[in-house]
PDB file of N, CA and C in Angstrom:
ATOM      1  N   MET A   1       1.004  -1.227   0.011  1.00  0.00           N
ATOM      2  CA  MET A   1       0.100  -0.088   0.230  1.00  0.00           C
ATOM      3  C   MET A   1       0.223   1.040   0.450  1.00  0.00           C
ATOM      4  N   GLN A   2       1.948   0.953   0.476  1.00  0.00           N
ATOM      5  CA  GLN A   2       2.399   2.523   0.803  1.00  0.00           C
ATOM      6  C   GLN A   2       3.293   2.761  -1.046  1.00  0.00           C
ATOM      7  N   LEU A   3       3.123   2.240  -1.881  1.00  0.00           N
ATOM      8  CA  LEU A   3       3.178   2.334  -3.542  1.00  0.00           C
ATOM      9  C   LEU A   3       2.817   3.567  -4.123  1.00  0.00           C
ATOM     10  N   VAL A   4       1.250   3.541  -3.613  1.00  0.00           N
ATOM     11  CA  VAL A   4      -0.327   3.510  -3.931  1.00  0.00           C
ATOM     12  C   VAL A   4      -0.439   4.727  -3.522  1.00  0.00           C
ATOM     13  N   ALA A   5      -0.142   5.863  -4.549  1.00  0.00           N
ATOM     14  CA  ALA A   5      -0.904   7.008  -3.718  1.00  0.00           C
ATOM     15  C   ALA A   5      -2.929   7.399  -3.347  1.00  0.00           C
ATOM     16  N   GLN A   6      -3.122   6.339  -4.725  1.00  0.00           N
ATOM     17  CA  GLN A   6      -4.680   6.824  -4.217  1.00  0.00           C
ATOM     18  C   GLN A   6      -5.294   5.214  -4.538  1.00  0.00           C
ATOM     19  N   PRO A   7      -5.482   4.652  -3.030  1.00  0.00           N
ATOM     20  CA  PRO A   7      -5.041   3.340  -3.423  1.00  0.00           C
ATOM     21  C   PRO A   7      -6.696   2.726  -3.671  1.00  0.00           C
ATOM     22  N   GLN A   8      -7.506   3.814  -4.001  1.00  0.00           N
ATOM     23  CA  GLN A   8      -8.773   2.925  -4.563  1.00  0.00           C
ATOM     24  C   GLN A   8      -7.759   2.518  -6.091  1.00  0.00           C
ATOM     25  N   GLU A   9      -6.856   3.118  -7.000  1.00  0.00           N
ATOM     26  CA  GLU A   9      -6.714   3.240  -7.724  1.00  0.00           C
ATOM     27  C   GLU A   9      -6.114   1.769  -7.919  1.00  0.00           C
ATOM     28  N   LEU A  10      -6.113   0.970  -6.872  1.00  0.00           N
ATOM     29  CA  LEU A  10      -5.443  -0.494  -7.080  1.00  0.00           C
ATOM     30  C   LEU A  10      -6.259  -1.629  -7.624  1.00  0.00           C
ATOM     31  N   HIS A  11      -5.648  -2.589  -8.344  1.00  0.00           N
ATOM     32  CA  HIS A  11      -7.600  -3.096  -8.009  1.00  0.00           C
ATOM     33  C   HIS A  11      -6.569  -4.299  -7.623  1.00  0.00           C
ATOM     34  N   VAL A  12      -7.397  -5.044  -7.265  1.00  0.00           N
ATOM     35  CA  VAL A  12      -7.170  -6.758  -6.826  1.00  0.00           C
ATOM     36  C   VAL A  12      -7.742  -7.343  -7.264  1.00  0.00           C
ATOM     37  N   LEU A  13      -7.126  -8.561  -8.409  1.00  0.00           N
ATOM     38  CA  LEU A  13      -8.084  -9.579  -8.582  1.00  0.00           C
ATOM     39  C   LEU A  13      -8.204 -11.262  -8.367  1.00  0.00           C
ATOM     40  N   TYR A  14      -9.046 -11.305  -8.059  1.00  0.00           N
ATOM     41  CA  TYR A  14      -9.173 -12.685  -8.182  1.00  0.00           C
ATOM     42  C   TYR A  14     -10.045 -13.256  -9.375  1.00  0.00           C
ATOM     43  N   VAL A  15      -9.123 -14.616  -9.424  1.00  0.00           N
ATOM     44  CA  VAL A  15      -9.852 -15.704 -10.037  1.00  0.00           C
ATOM     45  C   VAL A  15     -10.161 -16.298  -9.927  1.00  0.00           C
ATOM     46  N   THR A  16     -11.104 -17.179  -9.799  1.00  0.00           N
ATOM     47  CA  THR A  16     -11.690 -18.856  -9.066  1.00  0.00           C
ATOM     48  C   THR A  16     -11.712 -19.100 -10.898  1.00  0.00           C
ATOM     49  N   LEU A  17     -11.737 -21.370 -10.718  1.00  0.00           N
ATOM     50  CA  LEU A  17     -11.683 -21.871 -11.031  1.00  0.00           C
ATOM     51  C   LEU A  17     -12.882 -21.783 -12.139  1.00  0.00           C
ATOM     52  N   PRO A  18     -13.395 -22.034 -13.385  1.00  0.00           N
ATOM     53  CA  PRO A  18     -14.829 -22.290 -13.755  1.00  0.00           C
ATOM     54  C   PRO A  18     -15.161 -23.007 -12.893  1.00  0.00           C
ATOM     55  N   ALA A  19     -16.209 -23.437 -12.591  1.00  0.00           N
ATOM     56  CA  ALA A  19     -17.374 -24.093 -12.342  1.00  0.00           C
ATOM     57  C   ALA A  19     -17.404 -25.724 -12.687  1.00  0.00           C
ATOM     58  N   VAL A  20     -17.188 -26.961 -12.506  1.00  0.00           N
ATOM     59  CA  VAL A  20     -17.336 -28.062 -13.079  1.00  0.00           C
ATOM     60  C   VAL A  20     -18.503 -29.430 -12.396  1.00  0.00           C
ATOM     61  N   THR A  21     -18.934 -30.220 -12.888  1.00  0.00           N
ATOM     62  CA  THR A  21     -20.193 -31.285 -13.056  1.00  0.00           C
ATOM     63  C   THR A  21     -18.650 -32.552 -12.479  1.00  0.00           C
ATOM     64  N   ILE A  22     -18.850 -32.786 -11.583  1.00  0.00           N
ATOM     65  CA  ILE A  22     -18.675 -34.156 -11.150  1.00  0.00           C
ATOM     66  C   ILE A  22     -19.407 -35.177 -11.600  1.00  0.00           C
ATOM     67  N   LEU A  23     -18.669 -36.694 -11.876  1.00  0.00           N
ATOM     68  CA  LEU A  23     -19.797 -38.245 -11.276  1.00  0.00           C
ATOM     69  C   LEU A  23     -19.491 -38.783  -9.598  1.00  0.00           C
ATOM     70  N   SER A  24     -19.848 -38.565  -8.911  1.00  0.00           N
ATOM     71  CA  SER A  24     -20.309 -39.161  -7.493  1.00  0.00           C
ATOM     72  C   SER A  24     -20.911 -40.058  -7.586  1.00  0.00           C
ATOM     73  N   PRO A  25     -21.423 -40.854  -6.295  1.00  0.00           N
ATOM     74  CA  PRO A  25     -21.842 -42.537  -5.658  1.00  0.00           C
ATOM     75  C   PRO A  25     -23.350 -41.748  -6.486  1.00  0.00           C
ATOM     76  N   ASP A  26     -23.352 -41.430  -6.095  1.00  0.00           N
ATOM     77  CA  ASP A  26     -25.725 -40.427  -6.248  1.00  0.00           C
ATOM     78  C   ASP A  26     -25.348 -40.207  -7.612  1.00  0.00           C
ATOM     79  N   GLY A  27     -24.058 -39.722  -8.253  1.00  0.00           N
ATOM     80  CA  GLY A  27     -24.598 -39.031  -9.841  1.00  0.00           C
ATOM     81  C   GLY A  27     -24.212 -37.981  -9.935  1.00  0.00           C
ATOM     82  N   TRP A  28     -24.516 -37.363 -11.086  1.00  0.00           N
ATOM     83  CA  TRP A  28     -23.461 -36.499 -11.493  1.00  0.00           C
ATOM     84  C   TRP A  28     -24.219 -35.033 -10.562  1.00  0.00           C
ATOM     85  N   VAL A  29     -23.564 -34.174 -10.075  1.00  0.00           N
ATOM     86  CA  VAL A  29     -23.415 -32.932  -9.214  1.00  0.00           C
ATOM     87  C   VAL A  29     -22.697 -32.080  -9.688  1.00  0.00           C
ATOM     88  N   ALA A  30     -23.530 -31.008  -9.873  1.00  0.00           N
ATOM     89  CA  ALA A  30     -23.180 -29.228 -10.196  1.00  0.00           C
ATOM     90  C   ALA A  30     -22.389 -28.747  -9.812  1.00  0.00           C
ATOM     91  N   ASP A  31     -21.438 -27.683  -9.308  1.00  0.00           N
ATOM     92  CA  ASP A  31     -20.179 -27.194  -8.840  1.00  0.00           C
ATOM     93  C   ASP A  31     -21.068 -26.315  -8.234  1.00  0.00           C
ATOM     94  N   ASP A  32     -21.602 -25.767  -6.663  1.00  0.00           N
ATOM     95  CA  ASP A  32     -22.131 -24.671  -6.310  1.00  0.00           C
ATOM     96  C   ASP A  32     -21.577 -23.634  -6.929  1.00  0.00           C
ATOM     97  N   ALA A  33     -21.564 -22.926  -8.403  1.00  0.00           N
ATOM     98  CA  ALA A  33     -20.212 -22.123  -8.024  1.00  0.00           C
ATOM     99  C   ALA A  33     -20.671 -20.054  -7.680  1.00  0.00           C
ATOM    100  N   PRO A  34     -22.300 -20.064  -7.814  1.00  0.00           N
ATOM    101  CA  PRO A  34     -23.180 -18.879  -6.643  1.00  0.00           C
ATOM    102  C   PRO A  34     -21.819 -18.699  -4.908  1.00  0.00           C
ATOM    103  N   SER A  35     -21.789 -19.655  -4.533  1.00  0.00           N
ATOM    104  CA  SER A  35     -21.352 -20.532  -2.501  1.00  0.00           C
ATOM    105  C   SER A  35     -19.527 -19.822  -3.817  1.00  0.00           C
ATOM    106  N   ARG A  36     -18.861 -20.552  -4.267  1.00  0.00           N
ATOM    107  CA  ARG A  36     -17.666 -20.626  -4.237  1.00  0.00           C
ATOM    108  C   ARG A  36     -17.600 -19.150  -4.853  1.00  0.00           C
ATOM    109  N   MET A  37     -18.395 -18.709  -5.081  1.00  0.00           N
ATOM    110  CA  MET A  37     -18.144 -16.798  -6.282  1.00  0.00           C
ATOM    111  C   MET A  37     -18.308 -15.837  -4.972  1.00  0.00           C
ATOM    112  N   ARG A  38     -19.087 -16.590  -3.847  1.00  0.00           N
ATOM    113  CA  ARG A  38     -19.462 -16.149  -1.931  1.00  0.00           C
ATOM    114  C   ARG A  38     -18.368 -15.565  -0.977  1.00  0.00           C
ATOM    115  N   ALA A  39     -17.704 -16.848  -1.030  1.00  0.00           N
ATOM    116  CA  ALA A  39     -16.958 -17.517  -0.365  1.00  0.00           C
ATOM    117  C   ALA A  39     -15.042 -17.025  -1.025  1.00  0.00           C
ATOM    118  N   ALA A  40     -15.168 -16.939  -2.294  1.00  0.00           N
ATOM    119  CA  ALA A  40     -13.974 -16.362  -2.790  1.00  0.00           C
ATOM    120  C   ALA A  40     -14.014 -14.254  -2.634  1.00  0.00           C
ATOM    121  N   ALA A  41     -14.751 -14.909  -2.464  1.00  0.00           N
ATOM    122  CA  ALA A  41     -15.325 -12.483  -1.721  1.00  0.00           C
ATOM    123  C   ALA A  41     -14.652 -12.695  -0.570  1.00  0.00           C
ATOM    124  N   GLN A  42     -15.323 -13.484   0.424  1.00  0.00           N
ATOM    125  CA  GLN A  42     -14.994 -13.551   1.640  1.00  0.00           C
ATOM    126  C   GLN A  42     -13.653 -13.123   2.296  1.00  0.00           C
ATOM    127  N   LEU A  43     -13.061 -14.171   1.088  1.00  0.00           N
ATOM    128  CA  LEU A  43     -11.565 -14.678   1.381  1.00  0.00           C
ATOM    129  C   LEU A  43     -10.847 -13.281   1.232  1.00  0.00           C
ATOM    130  N   LEU A  44     -11.342 -12.269  -0.212  1.00  0.00           N
ATOM    131  CA  LEU A  44      -9.941 -11.581  -0.451  1.00  0.00           C
ATOM    132  C   LEU A  44     -10.419 -10.213   0.791  1.00  0.00           C
ATOM    133  N   SER A  45     -11.891 -10.264   0.709  1.00  0.00           N
ATOM    134  CA  SER A  45     -11.834  -9.034   1.690  1.00  0.00           C
ATOM    135  C   SER A  45     -10.835  -9.140   3.326  1.00  0.00           C
ATOM    136  N   LYS A  46     -11.211 -10.254   3.770  1.00  0.00           N
ATOM    137  CA  LYS A  46     -10.643 -11.001   4.494  1.00  0.00           C
ATOM    138  C   LYS A  46      -8.616 -10.666   4.635  1.00  0.00           C
ATOM    139  N   PHE A  47      -8.534 -10.924   2.980  1.00  0.00           N
ATOM    140  CA  PHE A  47      -7.112 -10.971   3.109  1.00  0.00           C
ATOM    141  C   PHE A  47      -6.239  -9.258   3.139  1.00  0.00           C
ATOM    142  N   LEU A  48      -7.427  -9.065   2.462  1.00  0.00           N
ATOM    143  CA  LEU A  48      -7.294  -6.925   2.511  1.00  0.00           C
ATOM    144  C   LEU A  48      -7.669  -6.744   3.726  1.00  0.00           C
ATOM    145  N   ASP A  49      -8.423  -6.984   4.355  1.00  0.00           N
ATOM    146  CA  ASP A  49      -7.937  -6.093   6.349  1.00  0.00           C
ATOM    147  C   ASP A  49      -8.025  -6.488   6.401  1.00  0.00           C
ATOM    148  N   GLU A  50      -6.939  -8.200   6.332  1.00  0.00           N
ATOM    149  CA  GLU A  50      -5.937  -7.789   7.609  1.00  0.00           C
ATOM    150  C   GLU A  50      -4.227  -6.986   7.354  1.00  0.00           C
ATOM    151  N   HIS A  51      -4.037  -6.867   5.697  1.00  0.00           N
ATOM    152  CA  HIS A  51      -2.995  -5.685   5.070  1.00  0.00           C
ATOM    153  C   HIS A  51      -3.157  -4.950   4.677  1.00  0.00           C
ATOM    154  N   GLN A  52      -4.304  -4.230   5.445  1.00  0.00           N
ATOM    155  CA  GLN A  52      -4.788  -2.974   5.954  1.00  0.00           C
ATOM    156  C   GLN A  52      -5.191  -2.318   4.727  1.00  0.00           C
ATOM    157  N   ALA A  53      -5.689  -3.339   4.053  1.00  0.00           N
ATOM    158  CA  ALA A  53      -5.927  -2.632   2.267  1.00  0.00           C
ATOM    159  C   ALA A  53      -7.408  -2.089   1.647  1.00  0.00           C
ATOM    160  N   SER A  54      -8.503  -2.548   2.632  1.00  0.00           N
ATOM    161  CA  SER A  54      -9.981  -2.562   2.371  1.00  0.00           C
ATOM    162  C   SER A  54     -10.584  -1.473   1.568  1.00  0.00           C
ATOM    163  N   GLU A  55      -9.535  -0.940   1.311  1.00  0.00           N
ATOM    164  CA  GLU A  55     -10.295   0.256  -0.116  1.00  0.00           C
ATOM    165  C   GLU A  55      -9.661   0.624  -1.331  1.00  0.00           C
ATOM    166  N   VAL A  56      -8.945  -0.489  -1.246  1.00  0.00           N
ATOM    167  CA  VAL A  56      -8.724  -0.876  -2.640  1.00  0.00           C
ATOM    168  C   VAL A  56     -10.046  -1.368  -3.114  1.00  0.00           C
ATOM    169  N   SER A  57      -9.349  -1.112  -4.463  1.00  0.00           N
ATOM    170  CA  SER A  57     -10.998  -1.772  -5.665  1.00  0.00           C
ATOM    171  C   SER A  57     -11.011  -3.395  -6.022  1.00  0.00           C
ATOM    172  N   GLN A  58     -11.942  -4.299  -5.818  1.00  0.00           N
ATOM    173  CA  GLN A  58     -12.070  -5.471  -5.467  1.00  0.00           C
ATOM    174  C   GLN A  58     -12.370  -6.092  -7.162  1.00  0.00           C
ATOM    175  N   PHE A  59     -12.120  -7.550  -7.340  1.00  0.00           N
ATOM    176  CA  PHE A  59     -13.164  -7.577  -8.626  1.00  0.00           C
ATOM    177  C   PHE A  59     -12.394  -9.095  -8.710  1.00  0.00           C
ATOM    178  N   ILE A  60     -13.474  -9.758  -8.561  1.00  0.00           N
ATOM    179  CA  ILE A  60     -13.845 -11.578  -8.718  1.00  0.00           C
ATOM    180  C   ILE A  60     -13.748 -11.562  -9.632  1.00  0.00           C
ATOM    181  N   ARG A  61     -13.696 -11.927 -10.899  1.00  0.00           N
ATOM    182  CA  ARG A  61     -13.542 -13.806 -11.997  1.00  0.00           C
ATOM    183  C   ARG A  61     -13.527 -14.807 -12.359  1.00  0.00           C
ATOM    184  N   GLU A  62     -14.469 -15.287 -12.873  1.00  0.00           N
ATOM    185  CA  GLU A  62     -14.279 -17.434 -13.236  1.00  0.00           C
ATOM    186  C   GLU A  62     -14.028 -17.263 -14.504  1.00  0.00           C
ATOM    187  N   GLY A  63     -13.060 -18.287 -14.641  1.00  0.00           N
ATOM    188  CA  GLY A  63     -12.653 -19.257 -15.995  1.00  0.00           C
ATOM    189  C   GLY A  63     -10.941 -19.318 -15.585  1.00  0.00           C
ATOM    190  N   ASP A  64     -10.687 -18.777 -16.695  1.00  0.00           N
ATOM    191  CA  ASP A  64      -9.551 -19.957 -16.530  1.00  0.00           C
ATOM    192  C   ASP A  64      -8.333 -19.134 -16.676  1.00  0.00           C
ATOM    193  N   PRO A  65      -7.184 -18.762 -14.888  1.00  0.00           N
ATOM    194  CA  PRO A  65      -6.665 -17.494 -14.865  1.00  0.00           C
ATOM    195  C   PRO A  65      -6.134 -16.776 -15.278  1.00  0.00           C
ATOM    196  N   GLY A  66      -4.648 -17.640 -16.367  1.00  0.00           N
ATOM    197  CA  GLY A  66      -4.057 -16.767 -17.585  1.00  0.00           C
ATOM    198  C   GLY A  66      -4.903 -15.818 -17.954  1.00  0.00           C
ATOM    199  N   LEU A  67      -6.045 -15.814 -18.951  1.00  0.00           N
ATOM    200  CA  LEU A  67      -7.108 -15.907 -20.366  1.00  0.00           C
ATOM    201  C   LEU A  67      -7.501 -13.923 -19.030  1.00  0.00           C
ATOM    202  N   MET A  68      -7.980 -14.436 -17.421  1.00  0.00           N
ATOM    203  CA  MET A  68      -8.502 -14.023 -16.959  1.00  0.00           C
ATOM    204  C   MET A  68      -8.060 -12.229 -17.017  1.00  0.00           C
ATOM    205  N   ILE A  69      -6.915 -13.357 -16.182  1.00  0.00           N
ATOM    206  CA  ILE A  69      -5.811 -11.048 -15.938  1.00  0.00           C
ATOM    207  C   ILE A  69      -5.255 -10.995 -17.234  1.00  0.00           C
ATOM    208  N   ALA A  70      -5.201 -11.273 -18.497  1.00  0.00           N
ATOM    209  CA  ALA A  70      -4.681 -11.004 -19.229  1.00  0.00           C
ATOM    210  C   ALA A  70      -6.162  -9.873 -19.390  1.00  0.00           C
ATOM    211  N   ASP A  71      -6.702 -10.648 -19.963  1.00  0.00           N
ATOM    212  CA  ASP A  71      -7.704  -9.788 -19.836  1.00  0.00           C
ATOM    213  C   ASP A  71      -8.512  -8.564 -19.373  1.00  0.00           C
ATOM    214  N   TYR A  72      -8.872  -8.496 -17.765  1.00  0.00           N
ATOM    215  CA  TYR A  72      -8.336  -7.544 -17.484  1.00  0.00           C
ATOM    216  C   TYR A  72      -7.007  -6.687 -17.223  1.00  0.00           C
ATOM    217  N   ALA A  73      -6.953  -6.926 -18.098  1.00  0.00           N
ATOM    218  CA  ALA A  73      -5.246  -6.073 -17.505  1.00  0.00           C
ATOM    219  C   ALA A  73      -5.967  -4.627 -19.502  1.00  0.00           C
ATOM    220  N   ASP A  74      -6.184  -6.188 -19.985  1.00  0.00           N
ATOM    221  CA  ASP A  74      -6.059  -5.018 -20.863  1.00  0.00           C
ATOM    222  C   ASP A  74      -7.326  -4.546 -21.248  1.00  0.00           C
ATOM    223  N   GLU A  75      -9.026  -4.187 -20.734  1.00  0.00           N
ATOM    224  CA  GLU A  75      -9.372  -4.516 -20.318  1.00  0.00           C
ATOM    225  C   GLU A  75      -9.664  -2.375 -19.730  1.00  0.00           C
ATOM    226  N   THR A  76      -8.958  -2.963 -18.515  1.00  0.00           N
ATOM    227  CA  THR A  76      -9.200  -1.537 -17.702  1.00  0.00           C
ATOM    228  C   THR A  76      -7.364  -1.170 -18.544  1.00  0.00           C
ATOM    229  N   ARG A  77      -6.381  -1.345 -18.906  1.00  0.00           N
ATOM    230  CA  ARG A  77      -5.346  -0.677 -19.929  1.00  0.00           C
ATOM    231  C   ARG A  77      -4.503  -0.535 -18.677  1.00  0.00           C
ATOM    232  N   THR A  78      -3.948  -1.772 -17.584  1.00  0.00           N
ATOM    233  CA  THR A  78      -3.543  -1.341 -16.458  1.00  0.00           C
ATOM    234  C   THR A  78      -2.216  -1.465 -17.006  1.00  0.00           C
ATOM    235  N   ASP A  79      -1.111  -0.568 -16.002  1.00  0.00           N
ATOM    236  CA  ASP A  79       0.140  -0.407 -16.845  1.00  0.00           C
ATOM    237  C   ASP A  79       0.745  -1.062 -15.724  1.00  0.00           C
ATOM    238  N   LEU A  80       0.462  -1.429 -15.040  1.00  0.00           N
ATOM    239  CA  LEU A  80       1.193  -2.491 -13.660  1.00  0.00           C
ATOM    240  C   LEU A  80       1.042  -4.008 -13.771  1.00  0.00           C
ATOM    241  N   ILE A  81       0.859  -5.495 -13.807  1.00  0.00           N
ATOM    242  CA  ILE A  81       0.739  -7.076 -12.831  1.00  0.00           C
ATOM    243  C   ILE A  81       1.525  -6.773 -12.057  1.00  0.00           C
ATOM    244  N   VAL A  82       0.884  -7.150 -10.702  1.00  0.00           N
ATOM    245  CA  VAL A  82       1.965  -7.463  -9.033  1.00  0.00           C
ATOM    246  C   VAL A  82       1.699  -8.545  -9.492  1.00  0.00           C
ATOM    247  N   MET A  83       1.667  -9.786  -9.297  1.00  0.00           N
ATOM    248  CA  MET A  83       1.653 -11.561  -8.701  1.00  0.00           C
ATOM    249  C   MET A  83       2.286 -12.779  -7.936  1.00  0.00           C
ATOM    250  N   PRO A  84       1.765 -12.848  -7.499  1.00  0.00           N
ATOM    251  CA  PRO A  84       2.921 -14.029  -6.843  1.00  0.00           C
ATOM    252  C   PRO A  84       3.153 -15.513  -7.426  1.00  0.00           C
ATOM    253  N   SER A  85       3.876 -16.739  -7.118  1.00  0.00           N
ATOM    254  CA  SER A  85       4.551 -17.600  -7.784  1.00  0.00           C
ATOM    255  C   SER A  85       4.198 -18.545  -6.791  1.00  0.00           C
ATOM    256  N   HIS A  86       3.764 -19.639  -7.180  1.00  0.00           N
ATOM    257  CA  HIS A  86       3.940 -20.370  -6.558  1.00  0.00           C
ATOM    258  C   HIS A  86       4.878 -21.391  -6.114  1.00  0.00           C
ATOM    259  N   GLY A  87       5.939 -20.825  -8.067  1.00  0.00           N
ATOM    260  CA  GLY A  87       6.941 -21.986  -7.625  1.00  0.00           C
ATOM    261  C   GLY A  87       7.178 -23.419  -7.855  1.00  0.00           C
ATOM    262  N   ASP A  88       5.948 -23.499  -8.045  1.00  0.00           N
ATOM    263  CA  ASP A  88       5.770 -25.109  -8.730  1.00  0.00           C
ATOM    264  C   ASP A  88       7.272 -25.024  -9.477  1.00  0.00           C
ATOM    265  N   HIS A  89       7.394 -26.743  -9.170  1.00  0.00           N
ATOM    266  CA  HIS A  89       8.829 -27.535 -10.673  1.00  0.00           C
ATOM    267  C   HIS A  89       8.954 -28.519 -11.253  1.00  0.00           C
ATOM    268  N   GLY A  90       9.871 -28.527 -12.192  1.00  0.00           N
ATOM    269  CA  GLY A  90       9.855 -29.917 -12.720  1.00  0.00           C
ATOM    270  C   GLY A  90       7.881 -30.950 -13.747  1.00  0.00           C
ATOM    271  N   VAL A  91       7.822 -31.380 -13.297  1.00  0.00           N
ATOM    272  CA  VAL A  91       6.386 -32.598 -13.874  1.00  0.00           C
ATOM    273  C   VAL A  91       5.679 -31.560 -13.900  1.00  0.00           C
ATOM    274  N   ALA A  92       4.766 -31.046 -12.414  1.00  0.00           N
ATOM    275  CA  ALA A  92       3.949 -30.016 -12.103  1.00  0.00           C
ATOM    276  C   ALA A  92       3.950 -28.841 -13.628  1.00  0.00           C
ATOM    277  N   ARG A  93       4.862 -28.386 -12.951  1.00  0.00           N
ATOM    278  CA  ARG A  93       5.004 -27.000 -14.528  1.00  0.00           C
ATOM    279  C   ARG A  93       4.837 -27.404 -15.582  1.00  0.00           C
ATOM    280  N   VAL A  94       5.675 -28.167 -16.066  1.00  0.00           N
ATOM    281  CA  VAL A  94       5.537 -29.020 -17.366  1.00  0.00           C
ATOM    282  C   VAL A  94       3.745 -29.107 -17.864  1.00  0.00           C
ATOM    283  N   LEU A  95       3.224 -29.326 -17.075  1.00  0.00           N
ATOM    284  CA  LEU A  95       1.444 -30.850 -17.257  1.00  0.00           C
ATOM    285  C   LEU A  95       0.863 -29.074 -16.816  1.00  0.00           C
ATOM    286  N   LEU A  96       1.369 -28.843 -15.385  1.00  0.00           N
ATOM    287  CA  LEU A  96      -0.463 -27.375 -15.249  1.00  0.00           C
ATOM    288  C   LEU A  96       0.887 -26.026 -15.752  1.00  0.00           C
ATOM    289  N   GLY A  97       1.975 -25.526 -16.193  1.00  0.00           N
ATOM    290  CA  GLY A  97       2.244 -23.935 -16.856  1.00  0.00           C
ATOM    291  C   GLY A  97       2.453 -23.738 -15.462  1.00  0.00           C
ATOM    292  N   SER A  98       1.963 -21.773 -15.439  1.00  0.00           N
ATOM    293  CA  SER A  98       2.536 -21.179 -15.009  1.00  0.00           C
ATOM    294  C   SER A  98       1.744 -20.570 -15.138  1.00  0.00           C
ATOM    295  N   VAL A  99       0.875 -19.615 -14.330  1.00  0.00           N
ATOM    296  CA  VAL A  99      -0.333 -18.660 -14.910  1.00  0.00           C
ATOM    297  C   VAL A  99       0.536 -17.236 -14.585  1.00  0.00           C
ATOM    298  N   THR A 100       1.572 -16.743 -14.291  1.00  0.00           N
ATOM    299  CA  THR A 100       2.727 -15.695 -14.415  1.00  0.00           C
ATOM    300  C   THR A 100       3.103 -15.646 -15.490  1.00  0.00           C
ATOM    301  N   GLU A 101       3.808 -17.028 -16.438  1.00  0.00           N
ATOM    302  CA  GLU A 101       4.119 -17.046 -17.336  1.00  0.00           C
ATOM    303  C   GLU A 101       3.269 -17.196 -18.593  1.00  0.00           C
ATOM    304  N   ARG A 102       2.286 -17.386 -18.033  1.00  0.00           N
ATOM    305  CA  ARG A 102       0.898 -17.649 -19.076  1.00  0.00           C
ATOM    306  C   ARG A 102       0.605 -15.490 -19.344  1.00  0.00           C
ATOM    307  N   VAL A 103       0.685 -15.072 -17.866  1.00  0.00           N
ATOM    308  CA  VAL A 103       0.652 -13.562 -18.111  1.00  0.00           C
ATOM    309  C   VAL A 103       1.505 -12.852 -19.123  1.00  0.00           C
TER     310      VAL A 103
END
């Protein structure tokens, strides 16, 4: 927050993976997307509150994280993207790729 003169100009984007349908012993079960999105919003708000950053602009999108981040940056004409890396290596990185690298 110390690097931002006007916190409301800082956008925090949280991307959830798309809804899925799975086969369970009871049959096909669809993911509850609305409750998943509410949970993501609560987690994001809690995280920002804990880091004294509740006044930033918060956004939640659903989809492929790499694409959603790149699309959002394009839509909002973003100057800078800052994102963490989980540090996957080896087979996990080859199979799953890196969102940071894709963005």
